[in-house]
């Protein structure tokens, strides 16, 4: 019996040591990803509009593309997590108020941060969606809107990473957008807005954060939904079966009928191709 206990202790101890060494290795790999710099990215200039319709569309994009989800309704930023294990992670104040970046970011800085996922000094944006497919028109409207958002003062704590979070990128989770983006790819083509499959495909990138790069699974889920049911579900938050739509989908409620119809048409086309 003593021999069994002895060997069991040795095995358990060995496993603990191996787990510790693996954790240290993953932590090192993850930290490298989270502190990576991209100093040689050629950030392209885009034309920013000044007309009220474009500014209004920029506000629409800020909601639909989930800027307000991480940065707050007033875009002054918020504390995403403050945990001894995960760390302290604030989202940036996007306004020109105290502690905000709008007063110091140039137009090129905005493009680099949003389309390429990098800060003006080349460091990666640690928590950032992949917006590399956003068209010049939408990106220009969004930046034009951000530059005139009312200033809000903030005093968020500095970012500090806990012992667990850096392991996630090493495992393929929470990978910084800058690492996933092809920074030399041709600029996205402006897609004509309207109730078309092409425009729905453009908007479907909003589904990929939760449903994967090819949202065929989502297409299967809504295959039997009628167009009006699809639109009603996102605009009211109630599914055709009477259940509540996930709060994570709140941004889709900002979409207009044409956008939701385009997305429905695209998902239906995916389902048709799979049959």
Protein backbone atom coordinates (compact mmCIF):
# COMPACT_ATOMS: atom_id res chain seq x y z
CA UNK A 1 0.00 0.00 0.00
CA UNK A 2 2.82 2.40 0.91
CA UNK A 3 4.47 1.65 -2.44
CA UNK A 4 1.24 2.52 -4.30
CA UNK A 5 0.89 5.80 -2.39
CA UNK A 6 4.54 6.61 -3.08
CA UNK A 7 4.22 6.03 -6.82
CA UNK A 8 0.92 7.89 -6.95
CA UNK A 9 2.58 10.87 -5.26
CA UNK A 10 5.44 10.75 -7.74
CA UNK A 11 3.05 10.63 -10.72
CA UNK A 12 0.86 13.44 -9.37
CA UNK A 13 3.92 15.52 -8.56
CA UNK A 14 5.28 14.95 -12.04
CA UNK A 15 1.99 15.96 -13.62
CA UNK A 16 1.94 19.15 -11.55
CA UNK A 17 5.46 20.01 -12.67
CA UNK A 18 4.59 19.31 -16.31
CA UNK A 19 1.44 21.43 -16.06
CA UNK A 20 3.45 24.26 -14.53
CA UNK A 21 6.09 24.09 -17.26
CA UNK A 22 3.42 23.94 -19.97
CA UNK A 23 1.66 26.92 -18.42
CA UNK A 24 4.88 28.90 -18.33
CA UNK A 25 5.57 28.08 -21.98
CA UNK A 26 2.04 29.04 -23.05
CA UNK A 27 2.24 32.22 -20.98
CA UNK A 28 5.45 33.22 -22.75
CA UNK A 29 3.94 32.54 -26.19
CA UNK A 30 0.77 34.43 -25.31
CA UNK A 31 2.60 37.44 -23.92
CA UNK A 32 4.63 37.65 -27.12
CA UNK A 33 1.39 37.83 -29.11
CA UNK A 34 -0.14 40.44 -26.80
CA UNK A 35 2.96 42.66 -26.88
CA UNK A 36 3.75 42.22 -30.56
CA UNK A 37 4.47 45.37 -32.57
CA UNK A 38 3.81 46.01 -36.25
CA UNK A 39 5.96 49.07 -37.01
CA UNK A 40 6.05 48.63 -40.79
CA UNK A 41 2.35 48.48 -41.64
CA UNK A 42 1.48 50.85 -44.46
CA UNK A 43 -1.74 52.43 -43.19
CA UNK A 44 -3.74 53.89 -46.03
CA UNK A 45 -5.41 57.29 -45.88
CA UNK A 46 -9.13 57.45 -46.61
CA UNK A 47 -11.42 60.36 -47.34
CA UNK A 48 -13.55 61.45 -44.39
CA UNK A 49 -16.99 62.89 -45.12
CA UNK A 50 -18.47 65.96 -43.46
CA UNK A 51 -22.14 65.80 -44.43
CA UNK A 52 -24.79 65.05 -41.76
CA UNK A 53 -26.03 61.87 -43.48
CA UNK A 54 -22.55 60.35 -43.36
CA UNK A 55 -22.13 61.31 -39.70
CA UNK A 56 -25.51 59.70 -38.93
CA UNK A 57 -24.41 56.55 -40.74
CA UNK A 58 -21.21 56.60 -38.69
CA UNK A 59 -23.26 56.52 -35.49
CA UNK A 60 -25.28 53.63 -36.96
CA UNK A 61 -22.06 51.73 -37.72
CA UNK A 62 -20.73 52.37 -34.21
CA UNK A 63 -23.72 50.50 -32.81
CA UNK A 64 -24.15 47.77 -35.44
CA UNK A 65 -20.42 46.95 -35.56
CA UNK A 66 -20.40 46.85 -31.72
CA UNK A 67 -18.13 49.80 -30.90
CA UNK A 68 -20.62 50.77 -28.20
CA UNK A 69 -20.63 47.23 -26.83
CA UNK A 70 -17.05 47.53 -25.59
CA UNK A 71 -16.63 51.29 -25.32
CA UNK A 72 -20.02 52.16 -23.82
CA UNK A 73 -23.04 54.01 -25.19
CA UNK A 74 -21.20 57.34 -24.93
CA UNK A 75 -17.93 55.77 -26.18
CA UNK A 76 -16.05 56.93 -23.08
CA UNK A 77 -14.75 53.41 -22.44
CA UNK A 78 -15.37 51.11 -19.52
CA UNK A 79 -13.67 48.54 -17.36
CA UNK A 80 -14.09 45.23 -19.19
CA UNK A 81 -12.61 43.20 -16.36
CA UNK A 82 -10.80 43.88 -13.11
CA UNK A 83 -9.83 40.50 -11.77
CA UNK A 84 -6.65 39.20 -10.08
CA UNK A 85 -6.63 36.20 -12.43
CA UNK A 86 -7.61 37.83 -15.73
CA UNK A 87 -6.14 41.23 -14.98
CA UNK A 88 -7.35 44.81 -15.37
CA UNK A 89 -8.55 45.53 -18.89
CA UNK A 90 -10.20 48.87 -19.72
CA UNK A 91 -11.56 49.78 -23.13
CA UNK A 92 -10.35 53.08 -24.54
CA UNK A 93 -12.20 56.35 -24.16
CA UNK A 94 -12.84 57.19 -27.82
CA UNK A 95 -13.94 60.75 -27.13
CA UNK A 96 -11.89 63.95 -26.88
CA UNK A 97 -12.52 64.21 -23.13
CA UNK A 98 -9.84 63.85 -20.48
CA UNK A 99 -8.35 60.39 -20.77
CA UNK A 100 -9.70 60.01 -24.30
CA UNK A 101 -7.88 59.43 -27.58
CA UNK A 102 -9.96 61.47 -30.05
CA UNK A 103 -8.04 64.63 -29.24
CA UNK A 104 -4.67 63.08 -30.10
CA UNK A 105 -5.48 60.53 -32.83
CA UNK A 106 -4.88 61.59 -36.42
CA UNK A 107 -7.04 60.28 -39.26
CA UNK A 108 -4.31 57.75 -40.06
CA UNK A 109 -4.20 56.65 -36.40
CA UNK A 110 -7.93 55.90 -36.53
CA UNK A 111 -7.53 53.81 -39.68
CA UNK A 112 -4.62 51.90 -38.19
CA UNK A 113 -6.51 51.14 -34.98
CA UNK A 114 -9.79 50.11 -36.60
CA UNK A 115 -8.75 48.42 -39.84
CA UNK A 116 -5.35 47.05 -38.79
CA UNK A 117 -5.79 46.57 -35.04
CA UNK A 118 -2.66 48.51 -34.08
CA UNK A 119 -1.99 51.58 -31.96
CA UNK A 120 -0.18 54.62 -33.40
CA UNK A 121 3.13 53.26 -32.04
CA UNK A 122 2.60 49.90 -33.76
CA UNK A 123 1.58 47.92 -30.67
CA UNK A 124 -1.39 45.59 -31.02
CA UNK A 125 -4.82 46.47 -29.73
CA UNK A 126 -5.15 43.69 -27.15
CA UNK A 127 -8.96 43.53 -27.18
CA UNK A 128 -10.24 44.42 -30.65
CA UNK A 129 -12.61 42.92 -33.21
CA UNK A 130 -11.33 42.25 -36.70
CA UNK A 131 -12.67 45.17 -38.73
CA UNK A 132 -10.34 44.69 -41.69
CA UNK A 133 -13.27 43.98 -44.05
CA UNK A 134 -15.04 47.27 -43.31
CA UNK A 135 -15.34 49.29 -46.51
CA UNK A 136 -13.70 52.67 -46.99
CA UNK A 137 -17.08 54.34 -47.04
CA UNK A 138 -18.25 52.82 -43.75
CA UNK A 139 -14.85 53.32 -42.13
CA UNK A 140 -14.78 56.95 -43.23
CA UNK A 141 -18.29 57.55 -41.90
CA UNK A 142 -17.40 55.86 -38.60
CA UNK A 143 -14.22 57.89 -38.08
CA UNK A 144 -16.02 61.11 -39.02
CA UNK A 145 -18.62 60.30 -36.37
CA UNK A 146 -16.03 59.41 -33.72
CA UNK A 147 -14.22 62.71 -34.27
CA UNK A 148 -17.32 64.73 -33.34
CA UNK A 149 -18.68 62.62 -30.45
CA UNK A 150 -19.27 64.81 -27.36
CA UNK A 151 -16.21 64.67 -25.08
CA UNK A 152 -16.52 62.66 -21.88
CA UNK A 153 -13.86 62.63 -19.17
CA UNK A 154 -12.66 59.29 -17.84
CA UNK A 155 -10.06 57.94 -15.45
CA UNK A 156 -9.78 54.25 -16.26
CA UNK A 157 -6.95 52.28 -14.64
CA UNK A 158 -4.02 51.22 -16.78
CA UNK A 159 -4.15 47.81 -18.41
CA UNK A 160 -2.42 44.98 -16.57
CA UNK A 161 -2.64 41.34 -17.60
CA UNK A 162 -3.25 38.65 -15.01
CA UNK A 163 -1.54 35.25 -15.01
CA UNK A 164 -4.24 33.43 -17.00
CA UNK A 165 -5.26 35.77 -19.83
CA UNK A 166 -1.96 35.58 -21.78
CA UNK A 167 -2.39 31.82 -22.06
CA UNK A 168 -5.56 32.28 -24.17
CA UNK A 169 -3.82 33.61 -27.34
CA UNK A 170 -1.31 30.76 -27.11
CA UNK A 171 -4.26 28.37 -27.35
CA UNK A 172 -5.81 30.23 -30.27
CA UNK A 173 -8.31 32.15 -28.14
CA UNK A 174 -8.58 35.95 -27.95
CA UNK A 175 -5.91 36.28 -30.61
CA UNK A 176 -5.21 39.97 -31.28
CA UNK A 177 -6.90 41.10 -34.49
CA UNK A 178 -3.60 42.43 -35.83
CA UNK A 179 -2.23 38.89 -35.97
CA UNK A 180 -5.24 37.64 -37.96
CA UNK A 181 -5.31 40.45 -40.51
CA UNK A 182 -3.53 40.39 -43.85
CA UNK A 183 -2.17 43.93 -43.69
CA UNK A 184 -1.09 43.86 -47.34
CA UNK A 185 -4.46 42.71 -48.69
CA UNK A 186 -6.29 44.95 -51.18
CA UNK A 187 -8.59 47.47 -49.55
CA UNK A 188 -12.19 46.27 -49.19
CA UNK A 189 -14.44 47.32 -52.06
CA UNK A 190 -17.35 49.58 -51.17
CA UNK A 191 -20.50 47.48 -51.32
CA UNK A 192 -23.72 49.11 -52.46
CA UNK A 193 -26.13 49.22 -49.55
CA UNK A 194 -29.42 47.47 -50.19
CA UNK A 195 -31.43 44.30 -49.79
CA UNK A 196 -29.05 42.09 -51.78
CA UNK A 197 -27.12 38.88 -51.17
CA UNK A 198 -23.86 40.74 -51.84
CA UNK A 199 -24.55 43.32 -49.15
CA UNK A 200 -25.70 40.57 -46.79
CA UNK A 201 -22.38 38.80 -47.29
CA UNK A 202 -20.58 42.03 -46.37
CA UNK A 203 -22.65 42.37 -43.18
CA UNK A 204 -22.25 38.69 -42.27
CA UNK A 205 -18.80 39.44 -40.83
CA UNK A 206 -20.75 40.69 -37.81
CA UNK A 207 -21.87 37.10 -37.24
CA UNK A 208 -18.41 35.56 -37.35
CA UNK A 209 -17.30 36.51 -33.84
CA UNK A 210 -19.79 34.01 -32.43
CA UNK A 211 -20.65 31.76 -35.37
CA UNK A 212 -17.29 31.28 -37.09
CA UNK A 213 -15.87 32.55 -40.36
CA UNK A 214 -18.48 30.70 -42.39
CA UNK A 215 -21.85 31.13 -40.63
CA UNK A 216 -23.38 28.05 -42.25
CA UNK A 217 -24.51 26.82 -38.84
CA UNK A 218 -26.44 30.04 -38.34
CA UNK A 219 -27.89 29.66 -41.84
CA UNK A 220 -29.18 26.22 -40.88
CA UNK A 221 -30.78 27.59 -37.71
CA UNK A 222 -32.77 30.21 -39.62
CA UNK A 223 -33.40 28.11 -42.72
CA UNK A 224 -37.12 27.79 -41.99
CA UNK A 225 -37.62 31.37 -40.88
CA UNK A 226 -39.62 33.63 -43.11
CA UNK A 227 -38.10 36.97 -44.02
CA UNK A 228 -40.51 38.89 -41.81
CA UNK A 229 -39.81 36.53 -38.90
CA UNK A 230 -36.07 37.13 -39.26
CA UNK A 231 -36.50 40.90 -39.28
CA UNK A 232 -38.99 40.85 -36.39
CA UNK A 233 -36.73 38.66 -34.25
CA UNK A 234 -33.85 41.12 -34.35
CA UNK A 235 -35.94 44.25 -34.08
CA UNK A 236 -38.05 42.99 -31.14
CA UNK A 237 -35.61 40.58 -29.47
CA UNK A 238 -38.17 37.77 -29.62
CA UNK A 239 -37.57 34.62 -31.68
CA UNK A 240 -40.35 33.00 -33.76
CA UNK A 241 -40.73 30.33 -31.06
CA UNK A 242 -41.36 33.00 -28.43
CA UNK A 243 -37.96 32.75 -26.73
CA UNK A 244 -35.82 35.80 -26.09
CA UNK A 245 -32.95 36.62 -28.40
CA UNK A 246 -29.54 36.53 -26.71
CA UNK A 247 -28.54 39.94 -25.30
CA UNK A 248 -25.26 39.50 -27.19
CA UNK A 249 -27.25 40.11 -30.38
CA UNK A 250 -28.54 43.48 -29.23
CA UNK A 251 -26.58 45.39 -31.86
CA UNK A 252 -28.55 43.71 -34.66
CA UNK A 253 -31.66 45.49 -33.42
CA UNK A 254 -30.10 48.70 -34.75
CA UNK A 255 -30.18 47.33 -38.30
CA UNK A 256 -32.81 48.63 -40.67
CA UNK A 257 -35.12 46.47 -42.78
CA UNK A 258 -32.82 46.58 -45.83
CA UNK A 259 -29.79 45.41 -43.83
CA UNK A 260 -31.67 42.60 -42.13
CA UNK A 261 -33.23 41.53 -45.41
CA UNK A 262 -29.79 41.46 -47.04
CA UNK A 263 -28.42 39.34 -44.20
CA UNK A 264 -31.42 36.99 -44.41
CA UNK A 265 -30.97 36.62 -48.17
CA UNK A 266 -27.30 35.78 -47.74
CA UNK A 267 -27.95 33.19 -45.05
CA UNK A 268 -30.67 31.63 -47.20
CA UNK A 269 -28.21 31.44 -50.10
CA UNK A 270 -25.72 29.60 -47.88
CA UNK A 271 -28.40 27.12 -46.88
CA UNK A 272 -29.37 26.57 -50.52
CA UNK A 273 -25.74 25.85 -51.46
CA UNK A 274 -25.41 23.28 -48.66
CA UNK A 275 -28.37 21.23 -49.88
